[in-house]
C-alpha atoms as a PDB file:
ATOM      1  CA  MET A   1       0.194  -0.019  -0.165  1.00  0.00           C
ATOM      2  CA  GLU A   2       2.896   2.006   0.588  1.00  0.00           C
ATOM      3  CA  SER A   3       5.061   1.369  -1.935  1.00  0.00           C
ATOM      4  CA  SER A   4       1.739   2.218  -4.583  1.00  0.00           C
ATOM      5  CA  PHE A   5       1.274   5.757  -2.829  1.00  0.00           C
ATOM      6  CA  ILE A   6       5.293   6.424  -3.212  1.00  0.00           C
ATOM      7  CA  MET A   7       4.472   5.296  -6.924  1.00  0.00           C
ATOM      8  CA  LEU A   8       1.698   7.143  -7.579  1.00  0.00           C
ATOM      9  CA  VAL A   9       3.731  10.431  -6.036  1.00  0.00           C
ATOM     10  CA  VAL A  10       6.507   9.627  -8.323  1.00  0.00           C
ATOM     11  CA  PHE A  11       3.946   9.410 -11.225  1.00  0.00           C
ATOM     12  CA  HIS A  12       2.796  12.923 -10.725  1.00  0.00           C
ATOM     13  CA  LEU A  13       5.986  14.359 -10.191  1.00  0.00           C
ATOM     14  CA  THR A  14       7.362  13.082 -13.360  1.00  0.00           C
ATOM     15  CA  ALA A  15       4.072  13.226 -15.735  1.00  0.00           C
ATOM     16  CA  GLY A  16       4.730  16.896 -16.389  1.00  0.00           C
ATOM     17  CA  CYS A  17       2.492  19.999 -16.117  1.00  0.00           C
ATOM     18  CA  THR A  18      -0.472  20.284 -18.068  1.00  0.00           C
ATOM     19  CA  LEU A  19      -1.533  24.280 -17.265  1.00  0.00           C
ATOM     20  CA  SER A  20      -5.171  25.129 -16.296  1.00  0.00           C
ATOM     21  CA  GLY A  21      -7.723  27.996 -17.788  1.00  0.00           C
ATOM     22  CA  GLU A  22      -8.273  28.309 -21.564  1.00  0.00           C
ATOM     23  CA  ARG A  23      -5.669  29.437 -24.043  1.00  0.00           C
ATOM     24  CA  ARG A  24      -7.095  32.445 -24.730  1.00  0.00           C
ATOM     25  CA  LEU A  25      -5.137  35.922 -23.811  1.00  0.00           C
ATOM     26  CA  LYS A  26      -6.152  36.790 -20.540  1.00  0.00           C
ATOM     27  CA  ASP A  27      -6.034  40.254 -19.000  1.00  0.00           C
ATOM     28  CA  VAL A  28      -3.981  41.259 -16.296  1.00  0.00           C
ATOM     29  CA  THR A  29      -3.878  45.349 -14.676  1.00  0.00           C
ATOM     30  CA  GLY A  30      -1.481  46.637 -12.191  1.00  0.00           C
ATOM     31  CA  HIS A  31      -0.922  50.155 -11.090  1.00  0.00           C
ATOM     32  CA  LYS A  32       3.089  51.964 -11.437  1.00  0.00           C
ATOM     33  CA  GLY A  33       5.098  51.578  -8.506  1.00  0.00           C
ATOM     34  CA  GLY A  34       3.214  48.746  -7.285  1.00  0.00           C
ATOM     35  CA  SER A  35       2.876  44.967  -8.034  1.00  0.00           C
ATOM     36  CA  ALA A  36       1.192  43.047 -10.544  1.00  0.00           C
ATOM     37  CA  LEU A  37      -0.032  39.097 -10.096  1.00  0.00           C
ATOM     38  CA  ILE A  38       0.110  36.751 -13.482  1.00  0.00           C
ATOM     39  CA  PRO A  39      -1.266  33.881 -12.491  1.00  0.00           C
ATOM     40  CA  CYS A  40       0.046  30.551 -13.747  1.00  0.00           C
ATOM     41  CA  SER A  41      -0.537  27.307 -12.515  1.00  0.00           C
ATOM     42  CA  CYS A  42      -0.854  23.137 -13.598  1.00  0.00           C
ATOM     43  CA  THR A  43      -3.978  21.585 -13.022  1.00  0.00           C
ATOM     44  CA  ASP A  44      -2.929  18.533 -11.238  1.00  0.00           C
ATOM     45  CA  PRO A  45      -1.678  20.537  -7.713  1.00  0.00           C
ATOM     46  CA  LEU A  46       0.456  17.390  -7.006  1.00  0.00           C
ATOM     47  CA  SER A  47       2.353  17.883 -10.581  1.00  0.00           C
ATOM     48  CA  LYS A  48       5.678  19.443 -11.427  1.00  0.00           C
ATOM     49  CA  PRO A  49       6.819  20.556 -14.703  1.00  0.00           C
ATOM     50  CA  GLN A  50       9.971  19.488 -16.309  1.00  0.00           C
ATOM     51  CA  THR A  51      11.057  22.873 -17.960  1.00  0.00           C
ATOM     52  CA  ILE A  52       9.187  26.348 -17.151  1.00  0.00           C
ATOM     53  CA  THR A  53       9.604  29.779 -18.699  1.00  0.00           C
ATOM     54  CA  TRP A  54       8.145  32.630 -18.676  1.00  0.00           C
ATOM     55  CA  THR A  55       8.983  35.032 -21.457  1.00  0.00           C
ATOM     56  CA  VAL A  56       7.611  38.390 -22.555  1.00  0.00           C
ATOM     57  CA  TYR A  57       6.708  39.973 -26.256  1.00  0.00           C
ATOM     58  CA  LYS A  58       7.018  43.603 -26.699  1.00  0.00           C
ATOM     59  CA  GLY A  59       6.034  44.580 -29.863  1.00  0.00           C
ATOM     60  CA  LYS A  60       8.866  42.138 -31.621  1.00  0.00           C
ATOM     61  CA  ARG A  61       8.189  38.278 -32.831  1.00  0.00           C
ATOM     62  CA  THR A  62      11.398  37.002 -30.550  1.00  0.00           C
ATOM     63  CA  GLY A  63      10.454  36.891 -26.647  1.00  0.00           C
ATOM     64  CA  THR A  64      12.825  37.700 -24.056  1.00  0.00           C
ATOM     65  CA  ASP A  65      12.525  35.463 -20.865  1.00  0.00           C
ATOM     66  CA  VAL A  66      12.073  37.804 -17.925  1.00  0.00           C
ATOM     67  CA  PHE A  67      14.794  36.264 -15.999  1.00  0.00           C
ATOM     68  CA  SER A  68      17.465  36.917 -18.112  1.00  0.00           C
ATOM     69  CA  ASP A  69      16.203  40.828 -18.543  1.00  0.00           C
ATOM     70  CA  ARG A  70      18.307  43.239 -16.304  1.00  0.00           C
ATOM     71  CA  GLN A  71      14.774  45.525 -17.048  1.00  0.00           C
ATOM     72  CA  TYR A  72      13.300  42.744 -13.690  1.00  0.00           C
ATOM     73  CA  ARG A  73      16.205  42.548 -12.088  1.00  0.00           C
ATOM     74  CA  GLY A  74      15.413  42.628  -8.217  1.00  0.00           C
ATOM     75  CA  ARG A  75      11.526  42.882  -9.086  1.00  0.00           C
ATOM     76  CA  LEU A  76      10.328  39.309 -10.042  1.00  0.00           C
ATOM     77  CA  GLN A  77       9.411  36.359  -7.394  1.00  0.00           C
ATOM     78  CA  GLN A  78       7.962  32.811  -8.718  1.00  0.00           C
ATOM     79  CA  PHE A  79       6.292  30.463  -6.446  1.00  0.00           C
ATOM     80  CA  ASN A  80       6.964  27.463  -7.689  1.00  0.00           C
ATOM     81  CA  GLU A  81      10.168  27.219  -5.484  1.00  0.00           C
ATOM     82  CA  TYR A  82       7.563  26.525  -2.511  1.00  0.00           C
ATOM     83  CA  SER A  83       4.572  25.052  -4.485  1.00  0.00           C
ATOM     84  CA  PRO A  84       5.956  23.117  -7.787  1.00  0.00           C
ATOM     85  CA  ALA A  85       2.508  23.807  -9.202  1.00  0.00           C
ATOM     86  CA  ASN A  86       2.375  27.378  -8.962  1.00  0.00           C
ATOM     87  CA  LEU A  87       4.108  28.671 -11.254  1.00  0.00           C
ATOM     88  CA  SER A  88       2.685  32.369 -11.276  1.00  0.00           C
ATOM     89  CA  LEU A  89       4.818  35.419 -11.897  1.00  0.00           C
ATOM     90  CA  SER A  90       4.946  38.354  -9.569  1.00  0.00           C
ATOM     91  CA  ILE A  91       6.607  41.698 -10.750  1.00  0.00           C
ATOM     92  CA  SER A  92       7.136  43.997  -7.953  1.00  0.00           C
ATOM     93  CA  ASP A  93       7.928  48.210  -8.279  1.00  0.00           C
ATOM     94  CA  LEU A  94       6.032  48.424 -11.811  1.00  0.00           C
ATOM     95  CA  ARG A  95       7.019  50.491 -14.903  1.00  0.00           C
ATOM     96  CA  GLU A  96       5.282  51.927 -17.639  1.00  0.00           C
ATOM     97  CA  ASP A  97       7.746  50.037 -20.154  1.00  0.00           C
ATOM     98  CA  ASP A  98       6.781  46.394 -18.146  1.00  0.00           C
ATOM     99  CA  GLU A  99       3.935  47.055 -20.150  1.00  0.00           C
ATOM    100  CA  GLY A 100       3.810  43.933 -22.727  1.00  0.00           C
ATOM    101  CA  ASP A 101       2.579  40.149 -23.643  1.00  0.00           C
ATOM    102  CA  TYR A 102       3.717  37.362 -21.246  1.00  0.00           C
ATOM    103  CA  ARG A 103       3.755  33.938 -21.689  1.00  0.00           C
ATOM    104  CA  CYS A 104       3.999  30.984 -19.602  1.00  0.00           C
ATOM    105  CA  GLN A 105       5.779  28.134 -20.600  1.00  0.00           C
ATOM    106  CA  THR A 106       5.984  23.955 -20.123  1.00  0.00           C
ATOM    107  CA  GLU A 107       6.675  20.960 -21.804  1.00  0.00           C
ATOM    108  CA  LYS A 108       3.021  20.593 -22.604  1.00  0.00           C
ATOM    109  CA  GLY A 109       1.821  24.171 -23.366  1.00  0.00           C
ATOM    110  CA  SER A 110       1.438  27.964 -22.797  1.00  0.00           C
ATOM    111  CA  ARG A 111      -0.418  30.579 -21.873  1.00  0.00           C
ATOM    112  CA  GLU A 112      -0.797  34.260 -22.447  1.00  0.00           C
ATOM    113  CA  PHE A 113      -1.650  37.547 -20.408  1.00  0.00           C
ATOM    114  CA  TRP A 114      -1.421  40.952 -21.412  1.00  0.00           C
ATOM    115  CA  LEU A 115      -0.256  42.869 -18.750  1.00  0.00           C
ATOM    116  CA  SER A 116      -1.233  46.900 -18.383  1.00  0.00           C
ATOM    117  CA  VAL A 117       0.367  49.300 -16.236  1.00  0.00           C
ATOM    118  CA  LYS A 118      -1.748  51.969 -15.557  1.00  0.00           C
ATOM    119  CA  ALA A 119       0.182  55.189 -14.102  1.00  0.00           C
ATOM    120  CA  CYS A 120      -3.131  57.255 -13.914  1.00  0.00           C
ATOM    121  CA  ASP A 121      -6.559  56.560 -12.883  1.00  0.00           C
ATOM    122  CA  LEU A 122      -8.674  59.690 -14.123  1.00  0.00           C
ATOM    123  CA  VAL A 123     -10.589  61.436 -11.962  1.00  0.00           C
ATOM    124  CA  LYS A 124     -14.820  61.245 -13.344  1.00  0.00           C
ATOM    125  CA  SER A 125     -13.504  59.008 -15.724  1.00  0.00           C
ATOM    126  CA  ARG A 126     -15.465  58.554 -18.918  1.00  0.00           C
ATOM    127  CA  GLU A 127     -17.932  61.505 -18.136  1.00  0.00           C
ATOM    128  CA  THR A 128     -18.617  64.839 -19.894  1.00  0.00           C
ATOM    129  CA  VAL A 129     -18.168  68.016 -18.265  1.00  0.00           C
ATOM    130  CA  GLU A 130     -19.515  70.876 -19.443  1.00  0.00           C
ATOM    131  CA  VAL A 131     -17.459  74.251 -19.250  1.00  0.00           C
ATOM    132  CA  THR A 132     -18.274  77.957 -20.620  1.00  0.00           C
ATOM    133  CA  GLY A 133     -15.594  80.701 -21.601  1.00  0.00           C
ATOM    134  CA  PHE A 134     -15.696  83.506 -23.537  1.00  0.00           C
ATOM    135  CA  SER A 135     -14.187  85.293 -26.696  1.00  0.00           C
ATOM    136  CA  GLY A 136     -10.974  86.381 -26.284  1.00  0.00           C
ATOM    137  CA  GLU A 137     -10.121  85.212 -22.799  1.00  0.00           C
ATOM    138  CA  SER A 138      -8.516  81.537 -21.325  1.00  0.00           C
ATOM    139  CA  VAL A 139     -10.292  78.526 -20.320  1.00  0.00           C
ATOM    140  CA  VAL A 140      -8.969  75.487 -18.686  1.00  0.00           C
ATOM    141  CA  LEU A 141     -10.550  71.959 -19.396  1.00  0.00           C
ATOM    142  CA  PRO A 142     -10.285  69.645 -16.324  1.00  0.00           C
ATOM    143  CA  CYS A 143      -8.844  66.849 -16.234  1.00  0.00           C
ATOM    144  CA  SER A 144      -6.720  65.203 -13.574  1.00  0.00           C
ATOM    145  CA  CYS A 145      -5.609  62.189 -11.908  1.00  0.00           C
ATOM    146  CA  THR A 146      -6.571  60.487  -8.748  1.00  0.00           C
ATOM    147  CA  ASP A 147      -3.285  60.533  -7.587  1.00  0.00           C
ATOM    148  CA  PRO A 148      -1.992  64.159  -8.140  1.00  0.00           C
ATOM    149  CA  GLN A 149       1.577  62.868  -7.781  1.00  0.00           C
ATOM    150  CA  THR A 150       1.372  60.217 -10.274  1.00  0.00           C
ATOM    151  CA  LYS A 151       2.109  61.723 -14.078  1.00  0.00           C
ATOM    152  CA  PRO A 152       1.794  59.092 -17.069  1.00  0.00           C
ATOM    153  CA  ASN A 153       4.668  59.516 -19.639  1.00  0.00           C
ATOM    154  CA  THR A 154       1.988  59.340 -22.193  1.00  0.00           C
ATOM    155  CA  PHE A 155      -1.299  60.869 -22.582  1.00  0.00           C
ATOM    156  CA  ARG A 156      -2.988  63.695 -25.183  1.00  0.00           C
ATOM    157  CA  TRP A 157      -5.929  65.854 -25.710  1.00  0.00           C
ATOM    158  CA  GLU A 158      -8.049  65.775 -28.811  1.00  0.00           C
ATOM    159  CA  PHE A 159     -10.321  67.948 -30.372  1.00  0.00           C
ATOM    160  CA  LYS A 160     -13.833  67.480 -32.055  1.00  0.00           C
ATOM    161  CA  PRO A 161     -15.527  70.780 -33.200  1.00  0.00           C
ATOM    162  CA  LYS A 162     -19.011  71.126 -32.613  1.00  0.00           C
ATOM    163  CA  LYS A 163     -19.480  72.955 -36.324  1.00  0.00           C
ATOM    164  CA  LYS A 164     -17.442  72.107 -39.195  1.00  0.00           C
ATOM    165  CA  THR A 165     -18.505  70.686 -42.347  1.00  0.00           C
ATOM    166  CA  GLY A 166     -16.784  66.934 -42.940  1.00  0.00           C
ATOM    167  CA  VAL A 167     -15.046  66.590 -39.071  1.00  0.00           C
ATOM    168  CA  HIS A 168     -16.872  63.944 -37.787  1.00  0.00           C
ATOM    169  CA  HIS A 169     -13.523  63.004 -35.742  1.00  0.00           C
ATOM    170  CA  PHE A 170     -10.987  64.030 -32.783  1.00  0.00           C
ATOM    171  CA  GLU A 171      -7.919  64.990 -33.842  1.00  0.00           C
ATOM    172  CA  GLU A 172      -4.868  65.675 -31.366  1.00  0.00           C
ATOM    173  CA  ILE A 173      -4.136  69.130 -30.526  1.00  0.00           C
ATOM    174  CA  TYR A 174      -1.532  68.573 -27.294  1.00  0.00           C
ATOM    175  CA  PRO A 175       0.959  67.302 -27.031  1.00  0.00           C
ATOM    176  CA  ALA A 176       1.053  68.057 -30.539  1.00  0.00           C
ATOM    177  CA  GLN A 177      -0.129  71.369 -31.634  1.00  0.00           C
ATOM    178  CA  THR A 178      -1.743  71.131 -34.543  1.00  0.00           C
ATOM    179  CA  GLY A 179      -4.133  73.175 -36.589  1.00  0.00           C
ATOM    180  CA  GLN A 180      -6.402  75.887 -34.691  1.00  0.00           C
ATOM    181  CA  HIS A 181      -4.577  75.475 -31.435  1.00  0.00           C
ATOM    182  CA  ARG A 182      -1.584  75.899 -32.453  1.00  0.00           C
ATOM    183  CA  ASP A 183       0.470  77.450 -30.150  1.00  0.00           C
ATOM    184  CA  ARG A 184      -2.679  78.419 -27.784  1.00  0.00           C
ATOM    185  CA  VAL A 185      -2.804  75.564 -25.932  1.00  0.00           C
ATOM    186  CA  ARG A 186      -0.217  74.209 -22.414  1.00  0.00           C
ATOM    187  CA  LEU A 187      -1.146  72.489 -19.150  1.00  0.00           C
ATOM    188  CA  THR A 188      -1.786  74.416 -16.110  1.00  0.00           C
ATOM    189  CA  ASN A 189       0.694  72.055 -14.363  1.00  0.00           C
ATOM    190  CA  GLN A 190       4.107  70.344 -16.238  1.00  0.00           C
ATOM    191  CA  ASN A 191       5.214  68.496 -13.013  1.00  0.00           C
ATOM    192  CA  SER A 192       2.103  66.608 -11.379  1.00  0.00           C
ATOM    193  CA  GLY A 193      -0.890  64.420 -11.911  1.00  0.00           C
ATOM    194  CA  ASP A 194      -2.744  67.294 -12.956  1.00  0.00           C
ATOM    195  CA  LEU A 195      -3.711  67.112 -16.567  1.00  0.00           C
ATOM    196  CA  SER A 196      -5.845  70.134 -17.141  1.00  0.00           C
ATOM    197  CA  LEU A 197      -5.035  72.090 -20.511  1.00  0.00           C
ATOM    198  CA  LEU A 198      -5.474  75.687 -20.736  1.00  0.00           C
ATOM    199  CA  ILE A 199      -6.895  77.239 -24.044  1.00  0.00           C
ATOM    200  CA  SER A 200      -6.084  80.908 -24.602  1.00  0.00           C
ATOM    201  CA  HIS A 201      -7.624  83.794 -26.900  1.00  0.00           C
ATOM    202  CA  LEU A 202     -10.654  81.655 -27.567  1.00  0.00           C
ATOM    203  CA  THR A 203     -12.753  81.896 -30.483  1.00  0.00           C
ATOM    204  CA  GLU A 204     -16.120  80.539 -31.042  1.00  0.00           C
ATOM    205  CA  GLU A 205     -14.360  78.127 -33.740  1.00  0.00           C
ATOM    206  CA  ASP A 206     -12.624  76.143 -30.415  1.00  0.00           C
ATOM    207  CA  GLN A 207     -16.474  75.450 -29.292  1.00  0.00           C
ATOM    208  CA  GLY A 208     -16.911  71.637 -29.600  1.00  0.00           C
ATOM    209  CA  GLU A 209     -15.476  67.988 -27.529  1.00  0.00           C
ATOM    210  CA  TYR A 210     -12.310  67.684 -26.033  1.00  0.00           C
ATOM    211  CA  SER A 211     -11.085  64.279 -24.509  1.00  0.00           C
ATOM    212  CA  CYS A 212      -8.125  63.896 -22.354  1.00  0.00           C
ATOM    213  CA  SER A 213      -6.963  60.244 -22.761  1.00  0.00           C
ATOM    214  CA  VAL A 214      -4.666  57.992 -20.580  1.00  0.00           C
ATOM    215  CA  GLN A 215      -3.705  54.578 -21.500  1.00  0.00           C
ATOM    216  CA  GLY A 216      -7.027  53.653 -23.102  1.00  0.00           C
ATOM    217  CA  ASP A 217      -9.016  55.555 -20.148  1.00  0.00           C
ATOM    218  CA  PHE A 218     -10.606  58.838 -21.317  1.00  0.00           C
ATOM    219  CA  LYS A 219     -12.472  62.123 -20.393  1.00  0.00           C
ATOM    220  CA  TYR A 220     -14.683  64.357 -22.141  1.00  0.00           C
ATOM    221  CA  VAL A 221     -15.036  67.882 -22.074  1.00  0.00           C
ATOM    222  CA  ARG A 222     -17.945  69.928 -24.002  1.00  0.00           C
ATOM    223  CA  LEU A 223     -16.738  73.509 -24.443  1.00  0.00           C
ATOM    224  CA  HIS A 224     -19.107  76.605 -25.002  1.00  0.00           C
ATOM    225  CA  VAL A 225     -17.825  79.806 -25.698  1.00  0.00           C
ATOM    226  CA  GLU A 226     -20.077  82.862 -25.624  1.00  0.00           C
ATOM    227  CA  VAL A 227     -19.259  86.633 -26.301  1.00  0.00           C
ATOM    228  CA  ARG A 228     -19.628  88.767 -23.542  1.00  0.00           C
ATOM    229  CA  GLU A 229     -21.774  92.013 -23.619  1.00  0.00           C
ATOM    230  CA  THR A 230     -20.036  95.056 -23.691  1.00  0.00           C
ATOM    231  CA  LEU A 231     -20.980  98.370 -21.611  1.00  0.00           C
ATOM    232  CA  THR A 232     -22.104 101.416 -24.006  1.00  0.00           C
ATOM    233  CA  ASN A 233     -22.317 104.716 -22.247  1.00  0.00           C
ATOM    234  CA  HIS A 234     -25.116 106.636 -24.018  1.00  0.00           C
ATOM    235  CA  LEU A 235     -25.552 110.926 -23.790  1.00  0.00           C
ATOM    236  CA  THR A 236     -29.313 111.281 -22.349  1.00  0.00           C
ATOM    237  CA  THR A 237     -31.518 114.096 -20.646  1.00  0.00           C
ATOM    238  CA  PRO A 238     -32.407 113.557 -17.271  1.00  0.00           C
ATOM    239  CA  SER A 239     -35.931 113.364 -17.755  1.00  0.00           C
ATOM    240  CA  GLN A 240     -35.548 110.664 -20.615  1.00  0.00           C
ATOM    241  CA  GLU A 241     -33.398 108.414 -18.590  1.00  0.00           C
ATOM    242  CA  ASP A 242     -32.955 108.940 -14.975  1.00  0.00           C
ATOM    243  CA  PRO A 243     -36.688 109.167 -12.482  1.00  0.00           C
ATOM    244  CA  ALA A 244     -34.386 110.480 -10.122  1.00  0.00           C
ATOM    245  CA  ALA A 245     -33.290 113.529 -11.909  1.00  0.00           C
ATOM    246  CA  ALA A 246     -36.954 114.403 -13.283  1.00  0.00           C
ATOM    247  CA  VAL A 247     -38.492 114.469 -10.105  1.00  0.00           C
ATOM    248  CA  THR A 248     -35.572 116.963  -9.142  1.00  0.00           C
ATOM    249  CA  GLU A 249     -35.946 118.952 -11.696  1.00  0.00           C
ATOM    250  CA  SER A 250     -40.089 118.873 -11.564  1.00  0.00           C
ATOM    251  CA  GLN A 251     -39.477 120.047  -7.818  1.00  0.00           C
ATOM    252  CA  ARG A 252     -37.494 123.183  -8.543  1.00  0.00           C
ATOM    253  CA  VAL A 253     -40.360 124.168 -10.600  1.00  0.00           C
ATOM    254  CA  MET A 254     -42.965 123.909  -8.326  1.00  0.00           C
ATOM    255  CA  MET A 255     -40.407 125.788  -5.592  1.00  0.00           C
ATOM    256  CA  CYS A 256     -40.126 128.791  -8.177  1.00  0.00           C
ATOM    257  CA  VAL A 257     -43.694 128.920  -8.855  1.00  0.00           C
ATOM    258  CA  ALA A 258     -44.227 129.110  -5.130  1.00  0.00           C
ATOM    259  CA  HIS A 259     -41.644 131.601  -4.744  1.00  0.00           C
ATOM    260  CA  GLN A 260     -43.512 133.922  -7.480  1.00  0.00           C
ATOM    261  CA  LYS A 261     -46.514 133.657  -5.735  1.00  0.00           C
ATOM    262  CA  SER A 262     -45.778 135.106  -2.340  1.00  0.00           C
END
């Protein structure tokens, strides 16, 4: 009986590892500076893979072994050292350039994961904010990360005009300075998670929808541009435009008549 159990254990340890889960690409999300766990394991908890590799692909056909890549030095942990069937990979101190396609592979197959590293969660993500500005003046379009200390490496502002024949899509206006917004847009704060955009010298053509986007996350701002009414001074006679002055003049006439009678 004891020998049968030992033989069964030996069989499990030498039979290799069939990976659990489906073969389709799975999404894993982490945040810049934090950690991400990419899950991979054998279906049989008693099995032990003969070979296990973790490979990362970043826009290339040829992958790189993560454990030999200097970029990951001191930031990786694999759990099979303590539990042979648990092949999961943990990456700490996440960076934006850690984003990519990761592959867990044994002698019996592979599983793929897409790791997204978010540097910024937008405040009021996917909402539309209404903002009003005045022609000739400046306006700030609000957009910021929930963590004010975290600034993403890449983000952009895009614009779709309210009324313009043939334009039905957004066009980038920052950081690329293009079209009618050239040299009129800048960030209110260059060194923080505040991505708000300042537009100067507003015109009515600036009306429309603006999109602030960071790594697939976005926020819309709808801008309305109004013209301020100017106050014009008119020369008027007291009796026509100033009731108080008219009453005073009437009182003066009555006083003169009364004085003449006396």
